[in-house]
Amino acid sequence: MRRVPTIVLALMMLINFGRGCIHAFAPDGGAHSIAGLDLSQNGQTILSLFAVMGFQQIVMGLFQLYVLAWRRELVAVALALQTIETAFGVANLYFYRPMPVPVPGAPFNAVLLALLVAATALAFARPSQSAAR
């Protein structure tokens, strides 16, 4: 059980690198080919915003790689950051400013959020349990 937070962080690192590369480097950033967005109006703006989102995901993945490789004591903090980011993303997809078309990754992100909440809780609970022994 104590390795779960680290495994979840590693999974999120891979997801961030994968998504980030698609959003930043795919010709349409995945906006049309994956999300089904119409790029005929304001296409450049959409592509630019997708690229920014992709670069941010790559940066998050690099931070997570750093934590996993050299600073394991920061796993809980890295998971907390990812959980907050994912929570805002899910809130945006479902409530705040939902996309005009169904986003294929929305249900996956909701499941990821539940997994992240559980892993983050485990990561923060671990030090207090060992201190009590």
N, C-alpha and C. Protein backbone atom coordinates (compact mmCIF):
# COMPACT_ATOMS: atom_id res chain seq x y z
N MET A 1 0.81 -1.20 0.00
CA MET A 1 0.00 0.00 0.00
C MET A 1 0.86 1.27 0.00
N ARG A 2 2.02 1.20 0.61
CA ARG A 2 2.82 2.41 0.73
C ARG A 2 3.44 2.84 -0.60
N ARG A 3 3.47 1.94 -1.58
CA ARG A 3 4.02 2.29 -2.89
C ARG A 3 2.97 2.88 -3.83
N VAL A 4 1.70 2.80 -3.44
CA VAL A 4 0.61 3.28 -4.31
C VAL A 4 0.79 4.74 -4.72
N PRO A 5 1.07 5.67 -3.80
CA PRO A 5 1.25 7.07 -4.23
C PRO A 5 2.36 7.24 -5.27
N THR A 6 3.46 6.54 -5.09
CA THR A 6 4.57 6.64 -6.04
C THR A 6 4.17 6.07 -7.40
N ILE A 7 3.46 4.96 -7.40
CA ILE A 7 3.00 4.35 -8.66
C ILE A 7 2.02 5.27 -9.37
N VAL A 8 1.09 5.88 -8.61
CA VAL A 8 0.12 6.79 -9.21
C VAL A 8 0.83 8.02 -9.78
N LEU A 9 1.82 8.53 -9.07
CA LEU A 9 2.57 9.68 -9.59
C LEU A 9 3.30 9.31 -10.88
N ALA A 10 3.88 8.12 -10.93
CA ALA A 10 4.56 7.68 -12.15
C ALA A 10 3.56 7.55 -13.31
N LEU A 11 2.39 7.04 -13.02
CA LEU A 11 1.34 6.94 -14.05
C LEU A 11 0.96 8.33 -14.55
N MET A 12 0.79 9.27 -13.64
CA MET A 12 0.44 10.64 -14.04
C MET A 12 1.56 11.30 -14.83
N MET A 13 2.80 10.99 -14.49
CA MET A 13 3.92 11.53 -15.25
C MET A 13 3.83 11.08 -16.70
N LEU A 14 3.57 9.79 -16.90
CA LEU A 14 3.46 9.27 -18.27
C LEU A 14 2.25 9.87 -19.00
N ILE A 15 1.14 10.00 -18.30
CA ILE A 15 -0.05 10.62 -18.91
C ILE A 15 0.24 12.07 -19.28
N ASN A 16 0.91 12.80 -18.40
CA ASN A 16 1.23 14.20 -18.70
C ASN A 16 2.16 14.31 -19.90
N PHE A 17 3.16 13.46 -19.99
CA PHE A 17 4.05 13.50 -21.15
C PHE A 17 3.28 13.15 -22.43
N GLY A 18 2.45 12.11 -22.36
CA GLY A 18 1.69 11.71 -23.54
C GLY A 18 0.72 12.78 -24.00
N ARG A 19 -0.11 13.25 -23.09
CA ARG A 19 -1.07 14.30 -23.43
C ARG A 19 -0.36 15.58 -23.86
N GLY A 20 0.68 15.93 -23.12
CA GLY A 20 1.40 17.16 -23.44
C GLY A 20 1.99 17.14 -24.83
N CYS A 21 2.57 16.03 -25.21
CA CYS A 21 3.15 15.92 -26.56
C CYS A 21 2.07 16.00 -27.64
N ILE A 22 0.94 15.37 -27.39
CA ILE A 22 -0.16 15.46 -28.36
C ILE A 22 -0.64 16.89 -28.48
N HIS A 23 -0.93 17.54 -27.34
CA HIS A 23 -1.47 18.90 -27.38
C HIS A 23 -0.48 19.91 -27.95
N ALA A 24 0.80 19.71 -27.67
CA ALA A 24 1.81 20.67 -28.11
C ALA A 24 2.31 20.42 -29.53
N PHE A 25 2.37 19.16 -29.95
CA PHE A 25 3.09 18.86 -31.20
C PHE A 25 2.25 18.24 -32.31
N ALA A 26 1.09 17.67 -32.02
CA ALA A 26 0.26 17.12 -33.09
C ALA A 26 -0.24 18.28 -33.96
N PRO A 27 -0.41 18.07 -35.25
CA PRO A 27 -0.81 19.17 -36.14
C PRO A 27 -2.06 19.92 -35.66
N ASP A 28 -3.03 19.20 -35.12
CA ASP A 28 -4.24 19.87 -34.62
C ASP A 28 -4.30 19.86 -33.10
N GLY A 29 -3.22 19.46 -32.45
CA GLY A 29 -3.17 19.42 -30.99
C GLY A 29 -4.16 18.45 -30.37
N GLY A 30 -4.78 17.62 -31.21
CA GLY A 30 -5.81 16.72 -30.74
C GLY A 30 -7.18 17.40 -30.67
N ALA A 31 -7.24 18.69 -30.97
CA ALA A 31 -8.49 19.44 -30.84
C ALA A 31 -9.57 18.88 -31.76
N HIS A 32 -9.21 18.60 -33.00
CA HIS A 32 -10.20 18.03 -33.93
C HIS A 32 -10.13 16.51 -33.97
N SER A 33 -8.93 15.98 -34.12
CA SER A 33 -8.78 14.53 -34.31
C SER A 33 -9.21 13.72 -33.10
N ILE A 34 -9.09 14.28 -31.90
CA ILE A 34 -9.48 13.55 -30.68
C ILE A 34 -10.76 14.14 -30.08
N ALA A 35 -10.79 15.46 -29.89
CA ALA A 35 -11.93 16.08 -29.21
C ALA A 35 -13.08 16.41 -30.15
N GLY A 36 -12.82 16.44 -31.46
CA GLY A 36 -13.89 16.73 -32.41
C GLY A 36 -14.27 18.20 -32.50
N LEU A 37 -13.39 19.09 -32.07
CA LEU A 37 -13.69 20.52 -32.14
C LEU A 37 -13.61 21.02 -33.58
N ASP A 38 -14.48 21.95 -33.92
CA ASP A 38 -14.47 22.59 -35.22
C ASP A 38 -13.40 23.67 -35.20
N LEU A 39 -12.40 23.53 -36.06
CA LEU A 39 -11.29 24.49 -36.10
C LEU A 39 -11.44 25.51 -37.22
N SER A 40 -12.59 25.52 -37.89
CA SER A 40 -12.77 26.45 -39.01
C SER A 40 -12.91 27.90 -38.54
N GLN A 41 -13.37 28.10 -37.32
CA GLN A 41 -13.44 29.46 -36.76
C GLN A 41 -12.50 29.53 -35.56
N ASN A 42 -11.62 30.50 -35.58
CA ASN A 42 -10.66 30.70 -34.49
C ASN A 42 -9.75 29.50 -34.28
N GLY A 43 -9.46 28.79 -35.35
CA GLY A 43 -8.61 27.59 -35.26
C GLY A 43 -7.24 27.87 -34.68
N GLN A 44 -6.61 28.97 -35.10
CA GLN A 44 -5.27 29.30 -34.59
C GLN A 44 -5.31 29.57 -33.09
N THR A 45 -6.36 30.21 -32.61
CA THR A 45 -6.47 30.49 -31.18
C THR A 45 -6.61 29.18 -30.40
N ILE A 46 -7.46 28.29 -30.91
CA ILE A 46 -7.65 26.99 -30.26
C ILE A 46 -6.35 26.21 -30.24
N LEU A 47 -5.65 26.18 -31.39
CA LEU A 47 -4.38 25.44 -31.46
C LEU A 47 -3.34 26.04 -30.52
N SER A 48 -3.31 27.36 -30.43
CA SER A 48 -2.37 28.01 -29.53
C SER A 48 -2.68 27.66 -28.07
N LEU A 49 -3.94 27.69 -27.70
CA LEU A 49 -4.31 27.33 -26.33
C LEU A 49 -4.02 25.87 -26.03
N PHE A 50 -4.25 24.99 -27.00
CA PHE A 50 -3.93 23.57 -26.80
C PHE A 50 -2.42 23.39 -26.62
N ALA A 51 -1.61 24.15 -27.41
CA ALA A 51 -0.15 24.05 -27.27
C ALA A 51 0.30 24.51 -25.90
N VAL A 52 -0.26 25.62 -25.41
CA VAL A 52 0.09 26.10 -24.07
C VAL A 52 -0.24 25.03 -23.04
N MET A 53 -1.44 24.44 -23.17
CA MET A 53 -1.85 23.39 -22.24
C MET A 53 -0.87 22.20 -22.33
N GLY A 54 -0.47 21.86 -23.54
CA GLY A 54 0.47 20.76 -23.72
C GLY A 54 1.83 21.03 -23.10
N PHE A 55 2.34 22.24 -23.30
CA PHE A 55 3.63 22.58 -22.70
C PHE A 55 3.55 22.55 -21.17
N GLN A 56 2.43 23.01 -20.63
CA GLN A 56 2.24 22.96 -19.18
C GLN A 56 2.23 21.52 -18.69
N GLN A 57 1.58 20.63 -19.44
CA GLN A 57 1.55 19.21 -19.05
C GLN A 57 2.95 18.60 -19.11
N ILE A 58 3.73 18.98 -20.10
CA ILE A 58 5.10 18.48 -20.20
C ILE A 58 5.92 18.97 -19.00
N VAL A 59 5.76 20.23 -18.63
CA VAL A 59 6.48 20.78 -17.47
C VAL A 59 6.07 20.02 -16.20
N MET A 60 4.77 19.77 -16.05
CA MET A 60 4.30 19.01 -14.88
C MET A 60 4.92 17.61 -14.89
N GLY A 61 4.97 16.98 -16.05
CA GLY A 61 5.60 15.67 -16.16
C GLY A 61 7.08 15.70 -15.80
N LEU A 62 7.77 16.75 -16.20
CA LEU A 62 9.19 16.89 -15.85
C LEU A 62 9.38 17.05 -14.34
N PHE A 63 8.50 17.84 -13.72
CA PHE A 63 8.56 17.99 -12.26
C PHE A 63 8.31 16.64 -11.59
N GLN A 64 7.34 15.90 -12.08
CA GLN A 64 7.03 14.59 -11.51
C GLN A 64 8.19 13.61 -11.70
N LEU A 65 8.85 13.68 -12.85
CA LEU A 65 10.04 12.85 -13.08
C LEU A 65 11.14 13.21 -12.08
N TYR A 66 11.35 14.50 -11.86
CA TYR A 66 12.34 14.95 -10.87
C TYR A 66 12.02 14.39 -9.49
N VAL A 67 10.76 14.49 -9.09
CA VAL A 67 10.35 13.98 -7.77
C VAL A 67 10.60 12.48 -7.70
N LEU A 68 10.22 11.75 -8.72
CA LEU A 68 10.36 10.28 -8.71
C LEU A 68 11.83 9.86 -8.73
N ALA A 69 12.66 10.60 -9.44
CA ALA A 69 14.06 10.20 -9.59
C ALA A 69 14.94 10.67 -8.43
N TRP A 70 14.67 11.88 -7.90
CA TRP A 70 15.61 12.44 -6.95
C TRP A 70 15.02 12.92 -5.64
N ARG A 71 13.72 13.15 -5.57
CA ARG A 71 13.15 13.75 -4.36
C ARG A 71 11.86 13.05 -3.95
N ARG A 72 11.97 11.78 -3.63
CA ARG A 72 10.79 10.99 -3.27
C ARG A 72 10.00 11.56 -2.10
N GLU A 73 10.66 12.35 -1.25
CA GLU A 73 9.95 12.93 -0.11
C GLU A 73 8.90 13.96 -0.56
N LEU A 74 8.94 14.36 -1.83
CA LEU A 74 7.98 15.32 -2.37
C LEU A 74 6.81 14.67 -3.11
N VAL A 75 6.70 13.35 -3.03
CA VAL A 75 5.62 12.65 -3.74
C VAL A 75 4.25 13.18 -3.33
N ALA A 76 4.03 13.39 -2.05
CA ALA A 76 2.73 13.88 -1.58
C ALA A 76 2.42 15.26 -2.15
N VAL A 77 3.41 16.14 -2.18
CA VAL A 77 3.22 17.49 -2.72
C VAL A 77 2.93 17.42 -4.22
N ALA A 78 3.69 16.61 -4.94
CA ALA A 78 3.47 16.48 -6.38
C ALA A 78 2.08 15.91 -6.67
N LEU A 79 1.66 14.94 -5.88
CA LEU A 79 0.31 14.39 -6.05
C LEU A 79 -0.76 15.43 -5.72
N ALA A 80 -0.53 16.22 -4.70
CA ALA A 80 -1.50 17.27 -4.34
C ALA A 80 -1.65 18.28 -5.48
N LEU A 81 -0.53 18.69 -6.06
CA LEU A 81 -0.59 19.62 -7.20
C LEU A 81 -1.37 19.00 -8.36
N GLN A 82 -1.07 17.75 -8.67
CA GLN A 82 -1.76 17.07 -9.77
C GLN A 82 -3.25 16.92 -9.47
N THR A 83 -3.57 16.61 -8.22
CA THR A 83 -4.98 16.44 -7.83
C THR A 83 -5.74 17.75 -7.99
N ILE A 84 -5.15 18.84 -7.54
CA ILE A 84 -5.80 20.15 -7.68
C ILE A 84 -5.99 20.51 -9.14
N GLU A 85 -4.95 20.31 -9.94
CA GLU A 85 -5.05 20.61 -11.37
C GLU A 85 -6.14 19.76 -12.03
N THR A 86 -6.16 18.48 -11.72
CA THR A 86 -7.15 17.59 -12.30
C THR A 86 -8.56 17.95 -11.83
N ALA A 87 -8.70 18.33 -10.57
CA ALA A 87 -10.02 18.73 -10.05
C ALA A 87 -10.54 19.96 -10.78
N PHE A 88 -9.68 20.95 -11.00
CA PHE A 88 -10.11 22.13 -11.76
C PHE A 88 -10.44 21.76 -13.21
N GLY A 89 -9.65 20.88 -13.80
CA GLY A 89 -9.93 20.44 -15.17
C GLY A 89 -11.27 19.73 -15.28
N VAL A 90 -11.56 18.84 -14.34
CA VAL A 90 -12.83 18.12 -14.34
C VAL A 90 -13.99 19.09 -14.11
N ALA A 91 -13.82 20.01 -13.18
CA ALA A 91 -14.86 21.02 -12.93
C ALA A 91 -15.12 21.84 -14.18
N ASN A 92 -14.06 22.19 -14.89
CA ASN A 92 -14.21 22.95 -16.12
C ASN A 92 -14.92 22.13 -17.19
N LEU A 93 -14.52 20.88 -17.36
CA LEU A 93 -15.13 20.02 -18.39
C LEU A 93 -16.61 19.79 -18.15
N TYR A 94 -17.02 19.67 -16.90
CA TYR A 94 -18.40 19.31 -16.60
C TYR A 94 -19.29 20.49 -16.22
N PHE A 95 -18.73 21.55 -15.61
CA PHE A 95 -19.59 22.58 -15.03
C PHE A 95 -19.27 24.01 -15.49
N TYR A 96 -18.02 24.41 -15.36
CA TYR A 96 -17.69 25.83 -15.52
C TYR A 96 -17.80 26.29 -16.97
N ARG A 97 -16.95 25.76 -17.83
CA ARG A 97 -16.99 26.10 -19.25
C ARG A 97 -16.85 24.83 -20.08
N PRO A 98 -17.89 24.02 -20.09
CA PRO A 98 -17.80 22.76 -20.84
C PRO A 98 -17.60 22.99 -22.34
N MET A 99 -16.97 22.05 -22.97
CA MET A 99 -16.72 22.15 -24.41
C MET A 99 -18.06 22.02 -25.16
N PRO A 100 -18.11 22.54 -26.39
CA PRO A 100 -19.34 22.45 -27.16
C PRO A 100 -19.63 21.05 -27.70
N VAL A 101 -18.66 20.17 -27.59
CA VAL A 101 -18.83 18.77 -28.01
C VAL A 101 -18.40 17.89 -26.85
N PRO A 102 -18.91 16.66 -26.78
CA PRO A 102 -18.45 15.75 -25.71
C PRO A 102 -16.95 15.49 -25.83
N VAL A 103 -16.25 15.63 -24.73
CA VAL A 103 -14.80 15.39 -24.72
C VAL A 103 -14.57 13.93 -24.36
N PRO A 104 -13.88 13.18 -25.24
CA PRO A 104 -13.70 11.74 -24.97
C PRO A 104 -12.99 11.45 -23.66
N GLY A 105 -12.11 12.34 -23.22
CA GLY A 105 -11.35 12.09 -22.00
C GLY A 105 -12.04 12.51 -20.71
N ALA A 106 -13.22 13.11 -20.79
CA ALA A 106 -13.88 13.61 -19.59
C ALA A 106 -14.16 12.51 -18.56
N PRO A 107 -14.76 11.38 -18.94
CA PRO A 107 -14.99 10.32 -17.95
C PRO A 107 -13.67 9.76 -17.39
N PHE A 108 -12.66 9.64 -18.25
CA PHE A 108 -11.35 9.16 -17.81
C PHE A 108 -10.77 10.11 -16.76
N ASN A 109 -10.91 11.42 -16.99
CA ASN A 109 -10.40 12.40 -16.04
C ASN A 109 -11.13 12.33 -14.71
N ALA A 110 -12.42 12.04 -14.74
CA ALA A 110 -13.17 11.91 -13.49
C ALA A 110 -12.67 10.70 -12.69
N VAL A 111 -12.38 9.61 -13.38
CA VAL A 111 -11.83 8.42 -12.71
C VAL A 111 -10.43 8.73 -12.18
N LEU A 112 -9.62 9.41 -12.99
CA LEU A 112 -8.28 9.80 -12.53
C LEU A 112 -8.35 10.67 -11.28
N LEU A 113 -9.33 11.56 -11.23
CA LEU A 113 -9.47 12.43 -10.05
C LEU A 113 -9.73 11.60 -8.80
N ALA A 114 -10.60 10.62 -8.90
CA ALA A 114 -10.87 9.76 -7.74
C ALA A 114 -9.61 9.01 -7.32
N LEU A 115 -8.86 8.49 -8.29
CA LEU A 115 -7.60 7.79 -8.00
C LEU A 115 -6.59 8.74 -7.36
N LEU A 116 -6.50 9.95 -7.88
CA LEU A 116 -5.56 10.93 -7.33
C LEU A 116 -5.92 11.34 -5.91
N VAL A 117 -7.20 11.52 -5.64
CA VAL A 117 -7.62 11.88 -4.28
C VAL A 117 -7.21 10.78 -3.30
N ALA A 118 -7.46 9.53 -3.68
CA ALA A 118 -7.10 8.40 -2.81
C ALA A 118 -5.58 8.31 -2.62
N ALA A 119 -4.82 8.44 -3.71
CA ALA A 119 -3.36 8.34 -3.62
C ALA A 119 -2.77 9.50 -2.82
N THR A 120 -3.33 10.69 -2.98
CA THR A 120 -2.86 11.85 -2.23
C THR A 120 -3.14 11.68 -0.75
N ALA A 121 -4.32 11.19 -0.42
CA ALA A 121 -4.65 10.94 0.98
C ALA A 121 -3.69 9.91 1.58
N LEU A 122 -3.40 8.86 0.84
CA LEU A 122 -2.43 7.85 1.31
C LEU A 122 -1.04 8.46 1.51
N ALA A 123 -0.64 9.30 0.56
CA ALA A 123 0.70 9.90 0.63
C ALA A 123 0.84 10.80 1.85
N PHE A 124 -0.20 11.56 2.15
CA PHE A 124 -0.12 12.45 3.31
C PHE A 124 -0.34 11.70 4.62
N ALA A 125 -1.05 10.58 4.59
CA ALA A 125 -1.30 9.80 5.80
C ALA A 125 -0.08 8.99 6.22
N ARG A 126 0.73 8.61 5.28
CA ARG A 126 1.89 7.77 5.54
C ARG A 126 2.85 8.33 6.58
N PRO A 127 3.29 9.59 6.47
CA PRO A 127 4.24 10.09 7.48
C PRO A 127 3.66 10.10 8.89
N SER A 128 2.39 10.46 9.03
CA SER A 128 1.82 10.52 10.38
C SER A 128 1.68 9.11 10.98
N GLN A 129 1.45 8.11 10.15
CA GLN A 129 1.37 6.73 10.65
C GLN A 129 2.72 6.26 11.13
N SER A 130 3.78 6.57 10.39
CA SER A 130 5.11 6.11 10.80
C SER A 130 5.57 6.88 12.04
N ALA A 131 5.13 8.13 12.19
CA ALA A 131 5.53 8.91 13.37
C ALA A 131 4.85 8.39 14.61
N ALA A 132 3.67 7.77 14.46
CA ALA A 132 2.94 7.25 15.61
C ALA A 132 3.54 5.95 16.13
N ARG A 133 4.34 5.29 15.35
CA ARG A 133 4.92 4.00 15.77
C ARG A 133 6.08 4.14 16.68
